[in-house]
């Protein structure tokens, strides 16, 4: 078949270290058969060789999602690592990575994966050492840079978009169970009541947008007060999960500020739950939201709160914001209608403290 022929031509080029040329043939094969795992795996290998590491990981993850048996039996053991990590089997992931590093001692991707494994089991010193090793071989590798910032207490303005995208692409299929059942996350289920309390004269909104909609947890409540409901999320896998609910009129994959700035659409209710914890510097997001507001809109969002002024990147790789910072950033473009302290979710045995704000554009 034609797609197999393209894959074979790509393999021949891959074996000659002609990686850019090989990419073209693997992509042609995948245009004809998007779930062709051989071509996907080979595409990932070519991207990996070209140091397109974020792309390679995303491609490898597609292989694992499509065919677990193929991933576990493949000569490419990175696929096994990705599968083990997704299942929470960190010990097997570490054992496989250690074997791979012995053969490939300068592979930044492997050290980044090691860092991720150690971070996930609460060994920050080992995580830091491996992230630093990744940056020795790929100094501009954005994800280990962000993780090092988080673990060493250096606050950046925002995380790499690829980090957020990868995080939620990985998390999408177990997101609801992990957040609701394990972490007791309840904010999406009370948001409708908060909105109705903030404006008791209005029980339905014409154009609603769920910013960072994820799998649609908040959308279920918002549907009941929305004539038209849009969801946007940077993670394609989250959007695919949200589609299954059949509650959104429109779903968009992309960065919130970029998509809002590129659109002429206006909304009378804009919701952003657990969005700022993955942004840090909120100025451009607030301005993009303001530009998308109708005159009588409500803008409702949550933050992980901190006492110190400004915002900070935490060891959890999330951002916390102070109340003063939020008020400074919204000054001149929004007026505060309501706010209340909430328990966001559990982290270990403790509750994370947050705050929900309701603003109206000036």
Protein backbone atom coordinates (compact mmCIF):
# COMPACT_ATOMS: atom_id res chain seq x y z
CA UNK A 1 0.00 0.00 0.00
CA UNK A 2 1.12 3.56 -0.66
CA UNK A 3 1.43 4.56 3.01
CA UNK A 4 3.67 1.54 3.66
CA UNK A 5 5.84 2.50 0.69
CA UNK A 6 6.28 6.02 2.07
CA UNK A 7 7.23 4.55 5.45
CA UNK A 8 9.80 2.22 3.82
CA UNK A 9 11.36 5.14 1.95
CA UNK A 10 11.53 7.08 5.18
CA UNK A 11 13.26 4.17 6.96
CA UNK A 12 15.89 4.00 4.18
CA UNK A 13 16.63 7.71 4.68
CA UNK A 14 16.61 7.32 8.45
CA UNK A 15 19.26 4.62 8.17
CA UNK A 16 21.40 7.02 6.11
CA UNK A 17 21.05 9.71 8.82
CA UNK A 18 19.07 11.87 6.39
CA UNK A 19 16.59 12.81 9.07
CA UNK A 20 14.95 15.88 7.50
CA UNK A 21 14.28 13.98 4.30
CA UNK A 22 12.96 10.99 6.27
CA UNK A 23 10.45 13.24 8.06
CA UNK A 24 8.79 14.09 4.77
CA UNK A 25 8.07 10.46 3.92
CA UNK A 26 6.80 9.54 7.38
CA UNK A 27 4.47 12.55 7.29
CA UNK A 28 3.21 11.48 3.85
CA UNK A 29 2.49 8.00 5.21
CA UNK A 30 0.57 9.51 8.12
CA UNK A 31 -1.48 11.75 5.84
CA UNK A 32 -2.82 8.56 4.27
CA UNK A 33 -3.12 6.60 7.53
CA UNK A 34 -2.98 8.79 10.67
CA UNK A 35 -2.97 5.81 13.07
CA UNK A 36 -0.07 4.03 11.32
CA UNK A 37 2.03 3.35 14.41
CA UNK A 38 5.16 2.25 12.52
CA UNK A 39 5.30 5.60 10.72
CA UNK A 40 4.48 7.50 13.92
CA UNK A 41 7.28 5.76 15.78
CA UNK A 42 9.71 6.42 12.94
CA UNK A 43 8.61 10.05 12.75
CA UNK A 44 9.34 10.35 16.46
CA UNK A 45 12.77 8.83 15.98
CA UNK A 46 13.58 11.31 13.21
CA UNK A 47 12.36 14.24 15.32
CA UNK A 48 14.40 12.92 18.24
CA UNK A 49 17.55 12.76 16.10
CA UNK A 50 16.94 16.33 14.93
CA UNK A 51 16.67 17.50 18.59
CA UNK A 52 13.00 18.40 18.07
CA UNK A 53 12.45 16.91 21.48
CA UNK A 54 9.00 18.24 22.38
CA UNK A 55 7.69 17.13 18.99
CA UNK A 56 9.31 13.72 19.41
CA UNK A 57 7.69 13.18 22.80
CA UNK A 58 4.27 14.16 21.48
CA UNK A 59 4.68 11.75 18.58
CA UNK A 60 5.80 8.93 20.85
CA UNK A 61 2.80 9.56 23.09
CA UNK A 62 0.48 9.18 20.11
CA UNK A 63 1.98 5.73 19.47
CA UNK A 64 1.35 4.70 23.08
CA UNK A 65 -2.22 6.04 22.97
CA UNK A 66 -3.03 4.22 19.73
CA UNK A 67 -1.42 0.83 20.42
CA UNK A 68 -0.10 -0.06 23.88
CA UNK A 69 0.99 -3.55 22.77
CA UNK A 70 3.08 -2.08 19.96
CA UNK A 71 4.62 0.42 22.39
CA UNK A 72 5.61 -2.24 24.89
CA UNK A 73 7.06 -4.61 22.28
CA UNK A 74 8.88 -1.99 20.20
CA UNK A 75 12.67 -1.74 20.05
CA UNK A 76 12.16 1.92 20.91
CA UNK A 77 12.07 1.59 24.71
CA UNK A 78 11.16 5.25 25.19
CA UNK A 79 7.63 4.15 24.29
CA UNK A 80 7.70 1.79 27.27
CA UNK A 81 8.92 4.60 29.52
CA UNK A 82 6.02 6.80 28.43
CA UNK A 83 3.55 4.00 29.07
CA UNK A 84 5.00 3.19 32.51
CA UNK A 85 4.95 6.86 33.53
CA UNK A 86 1.35 7.30 32.37
CA UNK A 87 0.36 4.37 34.56
CA UNK A 88 2.21 5.69 37.59
CA UNK A 89 4.72 2.83 37.38
CA UNK A 90 7.72 5.06 38.03
CA UNK A 91 10.10 2.30 39.11
CA UNK A 92 9.85 0.48 35.78
CA UNK A 93 10.18 3.81 33.96
CA UNK A 94 13.37 4.59 35.89
CA UNK A 95 14.87 1.16 35.31
CA UNK A 96 14.25 1.43 31.57
CA UNK A 97 15.62 4.97 31.41
CA UNK A 98 18.80 3.98 33.25
CA UNK A 99 19.43 1.27 30.66
CA UNK A 100 18.81 3.75 27.82
CA UNK A 101 21.14 6.35 29.33
CA UNK A 102 23.99 3.84 29.45
CA UNK A 103 23.71 3.49 25.66
CA UNK A 104 22.85 7.15 24.97
CA UNK A 105 24.75 9.18 27.61
CA UNK A 106 24.25 12.56 25.88
CA UNK A 107 20.51 12.32 25.15
CA UNK A 108 18.82 15.34 26.72
CA UNK A 109 15.36 13.82 26.30
CA UNK A 110 16.27 10.85 28.50
CA UNK A 111 17.61 13.09 31.26
CA UNK A 112 14.48 15.24 31.10
CA UNK A 113 12.40 12.10 31.51
CA UNK A 114 14.54 11.01 34.45
CA UNK A 115 13.98 14.41 36.02
CA UNK A 116 10.25 14.03 35.58
CA UNK A 117 10.26 10.60 37.19
CA UNK A 118 12.22 11.75 40.24
CA UNK A 119 10.07 14.88 40.61
CA UNK A 120 6.93 12.74 40.55
CA UNK A 121 8.13 10.58 43.47
CA UNK A 122 9.32 13.47 45.63
CA UNK A 123 13.07 13.31 45.04
CA UNK A 124 13.83 16.94 44.09
CA UNK A 125 17.62 16.66 44.35
CA UNK A 126 17.72 13.84 41.82
CA UNK A 127 15.21 15.67 39.64
CA UNK A 128 17.35 18.82 39.66
CA UNK A 129 20.51 16.88 38.81
CA UNK A 130 18.87 15.25 35.79
CA UNK A 131 17.22 18.43 34.53
CA UNK A 132 20.62 20.13 34.73
CA UNK A 133 22.10 17.25 32.76
CA UNK A 134 19.43 17.66 30.08
CA UNK A 135 20.37 21.33 29.75
CA UNK A 136 24.06 20.49 29.42
CA UNK A 137 23.24 18.74 26.16
CA UNK A 138 20.36 20.99 25.02
CA UNK A 139 20.83 24.43 26.66
CA UNK A 140 17.58 25.85 25.18
CA UNK A 141 15.39 22.91 26.20
CA UNK A 142 12.39 24.78 27.64
CA UNK A 143 10.76 22.09 29.77
CA UNK A 144 13.72 21.22 32.03
CA UNK A 145 14.39 24.97 32.31
CA UNK A 146 10.89 25.48 33.69
CA UNK A 147 11.14 22.52 36.03
CA UNK A 148 14.46 23.78 37.38
CA UNK A 149 12.90 27.21 37.94
CA UNK A 150 10.12 25.55 39.89
CA UNK A 151 12.35 23.32 42.01
CA UNK A 152 14.94 26.00 42.76
CA UNK A 153 12.52 28.82 43.56
CA UNK A 154 13.11 31.03 40.53
CA UNK A 155 9.87 32.64 39.34
CA UNK A 156 9.49 33.04 35.59
CA UNK A 157 6.73 35.10 33.97
CA UNK A 158 5.11 32.05 32.41
CA UNK A 159 5.83 28.39 31.73
CA UNK A 160 6.69 27.19 28.22
CA UNK A 161 3.45 26.62 26.33
CA UNK A 162 4.73 23.20 25.34
CA UNK A 163 5.07 22.27 29.01
CA UNK A 164 1.42 23.11 29.71
CA UNK A 165 0.27 21.40 26.53
CA UNK A 166 2.22 18.23 27.31
CA UNK A 167 1.08 18.24 30.94
CA UNK A 168 -2.60 18.27 30.07
CA UNK A 169 -2.32 16.06 27.01
CA UNK A 170 -0.88 13.44 29.39
CA UNK A 171 -3.45 14.14 32.08
CA UNK A 172 -6.57 14.27 29.90
CA UNK A 173 -7.73 10.67 30.16
CA UNK A 174 -7.43 10.47 33.95
CA UNK A 175 -8.08 14.16 34.67
CA UNK A 176 -11.62 13.88 36.05
CA UNK A 177 -10.89 10.91 38.28
CA UNK A 178 -7.66 12.39 39.63
CA UNK A 179 -9.04 15.86 40.25
CA UNK A 180 -12.53 15.09 41.52
CA UNK A 181 -12.15 11.75 43.28
CA UNK A 182 -8.55 11.95 44.50
CA UNK A 183 -8.03 15.68 45.05
CA UNK A 184 -11.65 16.57 45.90
CA UNK A 185 -11.73 19.43 43.41
CA UNK A 186 -15.22 20.95 43.59
CA UNK A 187 -14.93 24.44 42.07
CA UNK A 188 -16.54 23.54 38.70
CA UNK A 189 -19.62 22.26 40.52
CA UNK A 190 -20.25 25.44 42.53
CA UNK A 191 -19.37 28.00 39.87
CA UNK A 192 -22.92 28.32 38.53
CA UNK A 193 -24.28 29.28 41.96
CA UNK A 194 -21.51 31.82 42.42
CA UNK A 195 -22.34 33.42 39.08
CA UNK A 196 -26.05 33.57 39.83
CA UNK A 197 -25.34 35.11 43.25
CA UNK A 198 -23.13 37.77 41.66
CA UNK A 199 -25.89 38.85 39.29
CA UNK A 200 -29.26 37.73 40.59
CA UNK A 201 -31.09 39.63 37.84
CA UNK A 202 -29.70 37.39 35.11
CA UNK A 203 -30.28 33.65 34.89
CA UNK A 204 -29.02 33.04 31.35
CA UNK A 205 -26.05 34.35 29.37
CA UNK A 206 -26.04 34.60 25.60
CA UNK A 207 -22.36 34.04 24.77
CA UNK A 208 -20.28 32.17 27.34
CA UNK A 209 -16.65 31.09 27.05
CA UNK A 210 -15.01 28.52 29.31
CA UNK A 211 -11.32 29.49 29.22
CA UNK A 212 -9.08 26.52 29.91
CA UNK A 213 -12.12 24.27 29.72
CA UNK A 214 -10.17 21.04 30.13
CA UNK A 215 -12.41 18.00 29.93
CA UNK A 216 -15.53 20.10 30.49
CA UNK A 217 -15.99 19.81 34.24
CA UNK A 218 -17.28 23.37 34.55
CA UNK A 219 -19.06 23.20 31.22
CA UNK A 220 -21.67 20.85 32.62
CA UNK A 221 -22.85 23.55 35.04
CA UNK A 222 -22.35 26.42 32.60
CA UNK A 223 -24.51 24.73 29.96
CA UNK A 224 -27.57 25.32 32.13
CA UNK A 225 -27.10 29.10 32.06
CA UNK A 226 -25.68 29.45 28.52
CA UNK A 227 -27.47 30.04 25.24
CA UNK A 228 -24.19 29.50 23.42
CA UNK A 229 -21.17 27.89 25.11
CA UNK A 230 -17.59 27.95 23.80
CA UNK A 231 -14.65 26.09 25.30
CA UNK A 232 -10.97 26.71 24.68
CA UNK A 233 -7.96 24.76 25.89
CA UNK A 234 -4.30 24.51 24.89
CA UNK A 235 -4.46 20.71 25.09
CA UNK A 236 -5.87 18.85 22.11
CA UNK A 237 -6.50 15.77 24.24
CA UNK A 238 -8.51 17.79 26.75
CA UNK A 239 -10.66 19.14 23.94
CA UNK A 240 -11.21 15.63 22.61
CA UNK A 241 -12.47 14.60 26.05
CA UNK A 242 -14.70 17.69 26.27
CA UNK A 243 -16.20 16.87 22.85
CA UNK A 244 -17.54 13.59 24.23
CA UNK A 245 -19.85 15.50 26.59
CA UNK A 246 -21.67 17.15 23.68
CA UNK A 247 -22.35 20.27 25.76
CA UNK A 248 -20.22 22.91 23.98
CA UNK A 249 -21.42 24.67 20.84
CA UNK A 250 -17.81 25.41 19.87
CA UNK A 251 -14.49 23.96 21.04
CA UNK A 252 -11.13 25.55 20.22
CA UNK A 253 -7.59 24.24 20.67
CA UNK A 254 -5.08 26.98 21.42
CA UNK A 255 -3.54 29.53 23.75
CA UNK A 256 -6.22 31.63 25.48
CA UNK A 257 -4.74 35.10 24.94
CA UNK A 258 -3.71 34.36 21.35
CA UNK A 259 -7.13 33.01 20.39
CA UNK A 260 -9.06 35.80 22.08
CA UNK A 261 -6.87 38.47 20.47
CA UNK A 262 -7.34 36.91 17.05
CA UNK A 263 -11.12 36.72 17.36
CA UNK A 264 -13.83 39.35 16.94
CA UNK A 265 -16.26 37.42 19.13
CA UNK A 266 -17.58 39.07 22.30
CA UNK A 267 -18.88 37.30 25.39
CA UNK A 268 -21.13 38.24 28.28
CA UNK A 269 -19.68 35.58 30.61
CA UNK A 270 -16.02 34.54 30.67
CA UNK A 271 -14.86 31.81 33.05
CA UNK A 272 -11.24 30.87 33.84
CA UNK A 273 -10.99 28.23 36.57
CA UNK A 274 -7.47 27.04 37.44
CA UNK A 275 -6.03 28.97 34.49
CA UNK A 276 -3.83 31.55 36.20
CA UNK A 277 -2.00 28.83 38.10
CA UNK A 278 -0.40 27.95 34.75
CA UNK A 279 0.23 31.52 33.60
CA UNK A 280 2.08 33.61 36.20
CA UNK A 281 2.13 37.13 34.72
CA UNK A 282 -1.57 37.78 34.10
CA UNK A 283 -1.39 41.16 32.35
CA UNK A 284 -1.74 39.96 28.74
CA UNK A 285 -4.46 37.45 29.65
CA UNK A 286 -6.53 40.06 31.50
CA UNK A 287 -6.18 42.49 28.59
CA UNK A 288 -7.22 39.80 26.06
CA UNK A 289 -10.26 38.97 28.20
CA UNK A 290 -11.17 42.66 28.54
CA UNK A 291 -11.07 43.07 24.76
CA UNK A 292 -13.48 40.13 24.42
CA UNK A 293 -16.07 41.46 26.86
CA UNK A 294 -19.49 42.87 26.14
CA UNK A 295 -20.33 45.98 28.23
CA UNK A 296 -22.27 44.02 30.85
CA UNK A 297 -20.02 40.95 30.96
CA UNK A 298 -18.89 39.02 34.00
CA UNK A 299 -15.33 37.70 34.21
CA UNK A 300 -14.98 34.92 36.80
CA UNK A 301 -11.65 33.28 37.60
CA UNK A 302 -9.77 31.50 40.36
CA UNK A 303 -6.22 31.72 41.69
CA UNK A 304 -4.08 29.85 44.14
CA UNK A 305 -3.60 32.59 46.70
CA UNK A 306 -0.42 33.73 48.45
CA UNK A 307 0.20 36.37 51.12
CA UNK A 308 3.35 37.87 49.61
CA UNK A 309 2.74 40.49 46.94
CA UNK A 310 3.08 39.57 43.28
CA UNK A 311 3.11 36.01 42.04
CA UNK A 312 5.42 33.06 42.56
CA UNK A 313 6.30 29.82 40.78
CA UNK A 314 5.87 27.06 43.34
CA UNK A 315 7.64 23.72 43.66
CA UNK A 316 4.44 22.18 42.32
CA UNK A 317 5.24 23.99 39.01
CA UNK A 318 2.06 26.04 39.47
CA UNK A 319 1.81 29.77 40.14
CA UNK A 320 0.26 31.48 43.16
CA UNK A 321 -0.91 35.11 43.11
CA UNK A 322 -1.55 37.66 45.81
CA UNK A 323 -4.82 39.53 46.17
CA UNK A 324 -2.93 42.80 45.79
CA UNK A 325 -1.41 41.65 42.50
CA UNK A 326 -4.82 40.71 41.10
CA UNK A 327 -6.30 44.06 42.07
CA UNK A 328 -3.35 45.94 40.55
CA UNK A 329 -3.54 44.04 37.27
CA UNK A 330 -7.30 44.53 36.90
CA UNK A 331 -7.23 48.20 37.88
CA UNK A 332 -8.54 50.46 35.13
CA UNK A 333 -10.04 47.66 33.04
CA UNK A 334 -12.30 45.79 35.48
CA UNK A 335 -14.24 46.55 38.65
CA UNK A 336 -14.60 43.97 41.41
CA UNK A 337 -18.14 42.65 41.92
CA UNK A 338 -17.46 39.80 44.34
CA UNK A 339 -14.73 37.53 45.67
CA UNK A 340 -14.52 34.69 48.10
CA UNK A 341 -11.90 32.39 49.56
CA UNK A 342 -12.23 28.73 48.59
CA UNK A 343 -10.47 25.44 49.18
CA UNK A 344 -9.23 24.53 45.73
CA UNK A 345 -8.13 20.92 46.07
CA UNK A 346 -6.16 18.62 48.31
CA UNK A 347 -2.40 18.25 48.06
CA UNK A 348 -1.36 15.34 50.20
CA UNK A 349 -3.23 15.73 53.47
CA UNK A 350 -3.58 19.51 53.17
CA UNK A 351 -6.00 21.80 51.38
CA UNK A 352 -4.71 24.40 48.92
CA UNK A 353 -6.19 27.82 49.57
CA UNK A 354 -7.54 29.79 46.65
CA UNK A 355 -9.77 32.68 45.79
CA UNK A 356 -12.51 33.20 43.21
CA UNK A 357 -13.04 36.68 41.75
CA UNK A 358 -15.98 38.11 39.84
CA UNK A 359 -15.22 41.25 37.82
CA UNK A 360 -17.13 43.46 35.43
CA UNK A 361 -15.44 45.45 32.65
CA UNK A 362 -15.14 49.20 33.11
